């Protein structure tokens, strides 16, 4: 079978999921004919993705969150107003997605949480079936109960998730945990998509804290913490535009631009991991059995953190409070359950995608 990927270009997680699923499909005799990436002028495609995807990459303009002026939490109202100004460009992106589907003639489109791909299916409803893959779809199920204060934003997040999946044939909700109930209508609960690089990593316990921040504004408070805690070595990654490969903010704090191989090496050897609560890197830390500090920057990451807490992954904070992580490390309990769940991913994904193929064939036969 031939697959076309459409990937949301915000953050690191959807890129690594796409790389993992592409390898999985190719091991089972399938082909990914092209990868479309929705991104903005404020984000650059990470080199690890463009180097490893090994197929045609087609970019189109897509909505994204704007950080606050200090580059920390995402500014919801400003993001909405900014994206409204770009509606004409986004309409052009809808036609680009439809045209690419017609030109590449895939058997299935895999949508990694890209809004404009969902709207393309809502407006044009191409005959090629769409399968959606993301952790955010788990928040649509009765299994997830939001306990935070931003209930209106949570409802907006779920509305956004539904819009990414308009006319989807199947929705694969990535989950931290094995679930007793695996299906909720179109939604199937499946394991996270971790690449073989992380599964084959040799785990060590080093003497440093590893980290990743989506928005670079947190680097200032991290530097302040480092100056007053000069015995702790810190290796953090960011996607700051035009930054040097490494930036020494303090004698013990090194900032790295995104290099996936180096990122995983630092993950495997750290004593703890601090992050802005992106789903994928939290999963990587859980697989390598590293305690996590999660600092959500918007409602989506807040939900990720709440869900990860239910799996005893670590602790949360409103800022990069590395003292909280250091206090948690001695109490962290390792478990093999998550690793077992990850090892079932390939069989479950291939089963679900085979079902989609069979259903699509049946639909075409009755037309």
Protein backbone atom coordinates (compact mmCIF):
# COMPACT_ATOMS: atom_id res chain seq x y z
CA UNK A 1 0.00 0.00 0.00
CA UNK A 2 0.99 3.61 -0.57
CA UNK A 3 0.71 6.20 2.20
CA UNK A 4 0.84 10.00 2.22
CA UNK A 5 1.80 11.62 5.54
CA UNK A 6 0.57 15.06 6.61
CA UNK A 7 2.43 16.29 9.69
CA UNK A 8 1.81 19.23 12.01
CA UNK A 9 5.13 21.08 12.21
CA UNK A 10 4.85 22.45 15.76
CA UNK A 11 7.38 20.99 18.19
CA UNK A 12 9.31 17.73 17.88
CA UNK A 13 6.80 14.98 18.67
CA UNK A 14 4.82 14.67 15.43
CA UNK A 15 8.07 14.51 13.44
CA UNK A 16 9.43 11.60 15.47
CA UNK A 17 6.08 9.80 15.28
CA UNK A 18 6.12 10.15 11.50
CA UNK A 19 9.67 8.77 11.32
CA UNK A 20 8.69 5.81 13.50
CA UNK A 21 5.57 4.94 11.53
CA UNK A 22 7.38 5.30 8.19
CA UNK A 23 10.00 2.74 9.30
CA UNK A 24 7.27 0.46 10.58
CA UNK A 25 5.36 0.60 7.29
CA UNK A 26 8.47 -0.01 5.20
CA UNK A 27 9.41 -3.04 7.31
CA UNK A 28 6.01 -4.46 6.41
CA UNK A 29 6.35 -3.85 2.66
CA UNK A 30 4.50 -0.54 2.32
CA UNK A 31 5.60 2.81 0.84
CA UNK A 32 5.34 6.43 1.98
CA UNK A 33 5.09 8.39 -1.27
CA UNK A 34 5.51 11.89 0.24
CA UNK A 35 5.34 13.83 3.49
CA UNK A 36 3.50 17.14 3.71
CA UNK A 37 4.45 19.39 6.63
CA UNK A 38 2.33 22.26 7.90
CA UNK A 39 4.55 24.98 9.35
CA UNK A 40 4.95 28.72 9.77
CA UNK A 41 7.71 31.17 8.97
CA UNK A 42 8.55 31.24 12.69
CA UNK A 43 9.55 27.55 12.76
CA UNK A 44 12.27 25.75 10.82
CA UNK A 45 12.09 22.05 10.01
CA UNK A 46 14.50 20.18 12.30
CA UNK A 47 17.48 18.73 10.50
CA UNK A 48 17.01 15.28 12.04
CA UNK A 49 13.64 15.04 10.27
CA UNK A 50 14.72 16.24 6.84
CA UNK A 51 17.83 14.03 6.99
CA UNK A 52 16.02 10.85 8.03
CA UNK A 53 12.61 10.96 6.34
CA UNK A 54 14.16 9.90 2.98
CA UNK A 55 11.19 10.89 0.85
CA UNK A 56 9.80 14.03 -0.77
CA UNK A 57 8.88 16.74 1.78
CA UNK A 58 6.23 19.26 0.71
CA UNK A 59 5.74 22.29 2.96
CA UNK A 60 2.59 24.38 3.28
CA UNK A 61 1.60 27.26 5.53
CA UNK A 62 -0.40 26.24 8.58
CA UNK A 63 -1.66 27.78 11.86
CA UNK A 64 0.54 27.65 14.96
CA UNK A 65 0.66 28.96 18.52
CA UNK A 66 2.50 32.22 19.18
CA UNK A 67 4.67 32.50 22.30
CA UNK A 68 4.24 35.46 24.64
CA UNK A 69 6.67 38.38 24.15
CA UNK A 70 9.04 36.73 26.66
CA UNK A 71 8.99 33.53 24.64
CA UNK A 72 7.43 31.32 27.31
CA UNK A 73 3.79 30.27 27.42
CA UNK A 74 1.76 30.31 24.20
CA UNK A 75 -0.51 33.35 23.85
CA UNK A 76 -3.92 31.99 22.80
CA UNK A 77 -5.67 35.27 21.89
CA UNK A 78 -2.71 36.61 19.93
CA UNK A 79 -2.42 33.26 18.16
CA UNK A 80 -6.07 33.40 17.07
CA UNK A 81 -5.78 36.98 15.76
CA UNK A 82 -2.48 36.25 13.99
CA UNK A 83 -3.87 33.17 12.29
CA UNK A 84 -7.05 34.97 11.18
CA UNK A 85 -4.86 37.37 9.19
CA UNK A 86 -3.36 34.42 7.33
CA UNK A 87 -6.65 32.77 6.34
CA UNK A 88 -6.07 33.46 2.58
CA UNK A 89 -2.74 31.59 2.76
CA UNK A 90 -4.40 28.72 4.64
CA UNK A 91 -7.09 28.42 1.98
CA UNK A 92 -4.28 27.99 -0.55
CA UNK A 93 -2.87 25.23 1.67
CA UNK A 94 -6.20 23.34 1.52
CA UNK A 95 -5.98 23.26 -2.26
CA UNK A 96 -2.32 22.20 -2.04
CA UNK A 97 -3.24 19.23 0.17
CA UNK A 98 -6.10 18.20 -2.13
CA UNK A 99 -3.87 18.54 -5.21
CA UNK A 100 -1.08 16.47 -3.63
CA UNK A 101 -3.52 13.68 -2.72
CA UNK A 102 -4.73 13.63 -6.33
CA UNK A 103 -1.17 13.64 -7.75
CA UNK A 104 0.40 11.07 -5.40
CA UNK A 105 -2.64 8.76 -5.38
CA UNK A 106 -1.99 7.17 -1.96
CA UNK A 107 -4.17 4.38 -0.65
CA UNK A 108 -4.33 6.04 2.78
CA UNK A 109 -3.53 9.51 4.14
CA UNK A 110 -2.02 9.52 7.65
CA UNK A 111 -2.69 12.82 9.41
CA UNK A 112 -0.42 13.61 12.36
CA UNK A 113 -2.72 16.21 13.94
CA UNK A 114 -2.58 18.77 11.14
CA UNK A 115 -5.64 21.06 11.24
CA UNK A 116 -5.65 21.94 7.54
CA UNK A 117 -5.61 18.28 6.52
CA UNK A 118 -8.74 17.75 8.62
CA UNK A 119 -10.41 20.80 7.08
CA UNK A 120 -9.45 19.55 3.60
CA UNK A 121 -11.37 16.35 4.36
CA UNK A 122 -14.24 18.34 5.85
CA UNK A 123 -14.57 20.59 2.77
CA UNK A 124 -13.55 18.33 -0.14
CA UNK A 125 -13.88 14.84 1.43
CA UNK A 126 -11.37 13.04 -0.85
CA UNK A 127 -12.12 9.38 -1.58
CA UNK A 128 -8.75 8.32 -0.10
CA UNK A 129 -9.38 7.32 3.55
CA UNK A 130 -7.72 9.41 6.27
CA UNK A 131 -6.32 7.95 9.49
CA UNK A 132 -5.44 10.36 12.29
CA UNK A 133 -2.63 9.73 14.78
CA UNK A 134 -1.98 11.77 17.96
CA UNK A 135 -2.10 11.64 21.73
CA UNK A 136 -4.59 14.56 21.76
CA UNK A 137 -7.37 12.24 20.56
CA UNK A 138 -7.18 10.39 23.87
CA UNK A 139 -8.57 13.55 25.51
CA UNK A 140 -11.79 13.01 23.50
CA UNK A 141 -12.49 9.70 25.25
CA UNK A 142 -14.37 9.18 28.54
CA UNK A 143 -11.17 7.70 30.00
CA UNK A 144 -9.56 11.15 30.28
CA UNK A 145 -10.93 13.52 32.90
CA UNK A 146 -9.59 17.07 32.84
CA UNK A 147 -9.04 18.31 36.40
CA UNK A 148 -7.41 21.67 35.67
CA UNK A 149 -8.81 25.21 35.84
CA UNK A 150 -8.75 26.03 32.11
CA UNK A 151 -11.95 24.22 31.20
CA UNK A 152 -12.87 26.61 28.36
CA UNK A 153 -9.43 26.11 26.79
CA UNK A 154 -9.82 22.34 27.21
CA UNK A 155 -13.09 22.48 25.26
CA UNK A 156 -11.37 24.54 22.55
CA UNK A 157 -8.57 21.96 22.40
CA UNK A 158 -11.09 19.17 21.88
CA UNK A 159 -12.87 21.22 19.20
CA UNK A 160 -9.52 21.68 17.46
CA UNK A 161 -8.85 17.92 17.70
CA UNK A 162 -12.23 17.12 16.14
CA UNK A 163 -11.54 19.56 13.31
CA UNK A 164 -8.26 17.81 12.52
CA UNK A 165 -10.23 14.57 12.13
CA UNK A 166 -13.22 15.63 10.00
CA UNK A 167 -14.41 12.64 7.95
CA UNK A 168 -11.56 10.49 9.32
CA UNK A 169 -12.08 6.77 8.83
CA UNK A 170 -10.04 5.84 11.92
CA UNK A 171 -8.53 7.83 14.79
CA UNK A 172 -5.54 6.27 16.57
CA UNK A 173 -5.19 7.79 20.02
CA UNK A 174 -1.71 7.34 21.47
CA UNK A 175 -1.86 6.48 25.16
CA UNK A 176 0.65 6.28 28.01
CA UNK A 177 -1.17 3.22 29.39
CA UNK A 178 -2.80 -0.02 28.31
CA UNK A 179 -6.57 0.45 28.47
CA UNK A 180 -9.35 -1.96 29.40
CA UNK A 181 -11.57 -0.34 26.76
CA UNK A 182 -9.65 -0.08 23.47
CA UNK A 183 -12.34 1.46 21.23
CA UNK A 184 -14.57 4.52 21.47
CA UNK A 185 -16.40 4.75 18.15
CA UNK A 186 -13.81 5.64 15.50
CA UNK A 187 -11.14 6.07 18.17
CA UNK A 188 -8.77 3.17 18.85
CA UNK A 189 -6.34 3.30 21.80
CA UNK A 190 -2.80 2.42 20.68
CA UNK A 191 0.74 2.66 22.13
CA UNK A 192 3.05 5.62 21.51
CA UNK A 193 5.23 5.49 18.39
CA UNK A 194 8.84 5.29 19.55
CA UNK A 195 11.62 4.72 17.05
CA UNK A 196 14.02 1.81 17.22
CA UNK A 197 16.84 4.20 18.09
CA UNK A 198 15.25 4.83 21.49
CA UNK A 199 14.27 1.18 21.99
CA UNK A 200 17.85 0.04 21.32
CA UNK A 201 19.45 2.71 23.50
CA UNK A 202 21.86 1.64 26.21
CA UNK A 203 20.63 3.27 29.41
CA UNK A 204 23.08 4.80 31.88
CA UNK A 205 22.67 7.02 34.94
CA UNK A 206 24.75 10.14 34.52
CA UNK A 207 25.32 13.14 36.75
CA UNK A 208 23.47 15.77 34.69
CA UNK A 209 19.92 16.94 34.00
CA UNK A 210 18.71 16.76 30.40
CA UNK A 211 15.96 18.97 29.01
CA UNK A 212 13.97 20.35 26.10
CA UNK A 213 12.03 23.60 25.80
CA UNK A 214 9.66 24.44 22.95
CA UNK A 215 9.82 28.18 23.64
CA UNK A 216 13.25 29.70 24.24
CA UNK A 217 12.13 32.29 26.79
CA UNK A 218 12.52 29.79 29.62
CA UNK A 219 16.29 29.83 29.09
CA UNK A 220 16.62 32.99 31.21
CA UNK A 221 15.12 31.45 34.35
CA UNK A 222 17.09 28.27 33.67
CA UNK A 223 20.30 30.30 33.58
CA UNK A 224 19.34 32.03 36.84
CA UNK A 225 18.78 28.63 38.48
CA UNK A 226 22.11 27.36 37.17
CA UNK A 227 23.99 30.33 38.62
CA UNK A 228 22.70 29.59 42.11
CA UNK A 229 23.08 25.79 41.74
CA UNK A 230 26.52 25.65 40.19
CA UNK A 231 27.17 22.01 41.14
CA UNK A 232 24.49 20.73 38.73
CA UNK A 233 25.38 20.07 35.09
CA UNK A 234 22.57 20.90 32.65
CA UNK A 235 22.25 19.96 28.96
CA UNK A 236 19.12 21.45 27.35
CA UNK A 237 17.86 21.51 23.78
CA UNK A 238 15.86 24.31 22.14
CA UNK A 239 14.69 25.29 18.66
CA UNK A 240 15.73 28.94 18.91
CA UNK A 241 16.05 30.38 15.44
CA UNK A 242 19.61 31.21 14.28
CA UNK A 243 21.16 29.89 17.49
CA UNK A 244 24.64 28.37 17.43
CA UNK A 245 24.91 24.57 17.63
CA UNK A 246 25.85 25.00 21.30
CA UNK A 247 25.43 28.05 23.52
CA UNK A 248 27.08 28.19 26.95
CA UNK A 249 24.62 30.24 29.04
CA UNK A 250 26.48 29.50 32.29
CA UNK A 251 29.59 27.41 33.03
CA UNK A 252 27.29 24.44 33.83
CA UNK A 253 24.36 25.10 31.45
CA UNK A 254 24.79 24.19 27.78
CA UNK A 255 22.01 24.84 25.26
CA UNK A 256 21.99 22.66 22.12
CA UNK A 257 20.09 23.12 18.88
CA UNK A 258 17.90 20.15 18.00
CA UNK A 259 20.01 17.18 16.95
CA UNK A 260 17.99 14.03 17.40
CA UNK A 261 20.87 11.59 17.81
CA UNK A 262 22.55 13.80 20.40
CA UNK A 263 19.22 14.44 22.10
CA UNK A 264 18.63 10.71 22.60
CA UNK A 265 22.18 10.13 23.78
CA UNK A 266 21.77 12.79 26.46
CA UNK A 267 18.37 11.30 27.37
CA UNK A 268 19.83 7.81 27.83
CA UNK A 269 22.60 9.05 30.12
CA UNK A 270 20.83 11.64 32.29
CA UNK A 271 19.64 11.36 35.89
CA UNK A 272 16.45 13.30 35.16
CA UNK A 273 14.64 15.03 32.30
CA UNK A 274 12.92 18.45 32.25
CA UNK A 275 10.57 19.41 29.44
CA UNK A 276 7.72 21.66 28.35
CA UNK A 277 5.52 18.52 28.52
CA UNK A 278 5.52 17.42 24.89
CA UNK A 279 4.05 13.93 24.67
CA UNK A 280 6.78 12.26 22.64
CA UNK A 281 9.79 13.17 24.75
CA UNK A 282 7.93 12.26 27.96
CA UNK A 283 7.31 8.82 26.41
CA UNK A 284 11.00 8.51 25.56
CA UNK A 285 11.94 9.35 29.14
CA UNK A 286 9.41 6.83 30.48
CA UNK A 287 10.76 4.11 28.20
CA UNK A 288 14.31 4.82 29.37
CA UNK A 289 12.98 5.01 32.95
CA UNK A 290 14.05 8.59 33.58
CA UNK A 291 12.11 10.77 36.07
CA UNK A 292 10.51 13.82 34.42
CA UNK A 293 9.75 17.44 35.32
CA UNK A 294 6.95 18.79 33.11
CA UNK A 295 6.40 22.54 32.57
CA UNK A 296 3.31 22.98 30.35
CA UNK A 297 3.24 26.04 28.08
CA UNK A 298 -0.38 25.68 26.86
CA UNK A 299 -3.52 23.61 27.44
CA UNK A 300 -2.41 20.70 25.26
CA UNK A 301 0.76 20.24 27.27
CA UNK A 302 -1.17 20.71 30.51
CA UNK A 303 -3.30 17.71 29.52
CA UNK A 304 -0.17 15.75 28.58
CA UNK A 305 1.24 16.45 32.04
CA UNK A 306 -1.97 15.46 33.85
CA UNK A 307 -2.07 12.20 31.89
CA UNK A 308 1.62 11.48 32.53
CA UNK A 309 1.13 12.04 36.26
CA UNK A 310 -1.41 9.19 36.20
CA UNK A 311 1.42 6.98 34.93
CA UNK A 312 3.80 8.14 37.69
CA UNK A 313 6.17 9.67 35.15
CA UNK A 314 7.27 12.56 37.34
CA UNK A 315 6.22 15.97 38.64
CA UNK A 316 4.86 19.22 37.21
CA UNK A 317 5.63 22.89 37.84
CA UNK A 318 4.71 26.29 36.44
CA UNK A 319 8.37 27.03 35.66
CA UNK A 320 11.63 25.12 35.30
CA UNK A 321 11.86 24.33 39.01
CA UNK A 322 14.68 21.83 38.84
CA UNK A 323 14.64 21.56 42.64
CA UNK A 324 11.30 19.73 42.31
CA UNK A 325 12.89 17.27 39.89
CA UNK A 326 15.90 16.70 42.15
CA UNK A 327 13.57 16.06 45.09
CA UNK A 328 11.54 13.55 43.03
CA UNK A 329 14.45 11.53 41.64
CA UNK A 330 15.09 9.48 44.84
CA UNK A 331 11.41 8.47 45.04
CA UNK A 332 10.98 7.50 41.37
CA UNK A 333 9.78 3.91 40.89
CA UNK A 334 10.80 2.16 37.68
CA UNK A 335 8.28 -0.12 35.94
CA UNK A 336 8.40 -2.43 32.92
CA UNK A 337 4.70 -2.07 32.03
CA UNK A 338 5.26 0.92 29.75
CA UNK A 339 8.10 -0.83 27.93
CA UNK A 340 5.84 -3.84 27.28
CA UNK A 341 3.11 -1.53 25.94
CA UNK A 342 5.59 0.09 23.54
CA UNK A 343 6.69 -3.31 22.19
CA UNK A 344 3.11 -4.06 21.05
CA UNK A 345 2.95 -0.93 18.87
CA UNK A 346 3.93 -2.43 15.51
CA UNK A 347 1.42 -5.29 15.62
CA UNK A 348 -1.41 -3.00 16.78
CA UNK A 349 -0.71 -0.30 14.18
CA UNK A 350 -0.48 -2.79 11.33
CA UNK A 351 -3.72 -4.41 12.50
CA UNK A 352 -5.57 -1.08 12.55
CA UNK A 353 -4.22 0.05 9.17
CA UNK A 354 -5.10 -3.32 7.63
CA UNK A 355 -8.66 -2.83 8.88
CA UNK A 356 -8.77 0.60 7.24
CA UNK A 357 -7.64 -0.90 3.92
CA UNK A 358 -10.33 -3.60 4.09
CA UNK A 359 -13.06 -1.09 5.00
CA UNK A 360 -12.03 1.27 2.21
CA UNK A 361 -12.10 -1.61 -0.31
CA UNK A 362 -15.59 -2.57 0.82
CA UNK A 363 -16.82 1.02 0.48
CA UNK A 364 -15.41 1.31 -3.07
CA UNK A 365 -16.96 -2.05 -4.03
CA UNK A 366 -20.44 -0.81 -3.08
CA UNK A 367 -20.15 2.51 -4.97
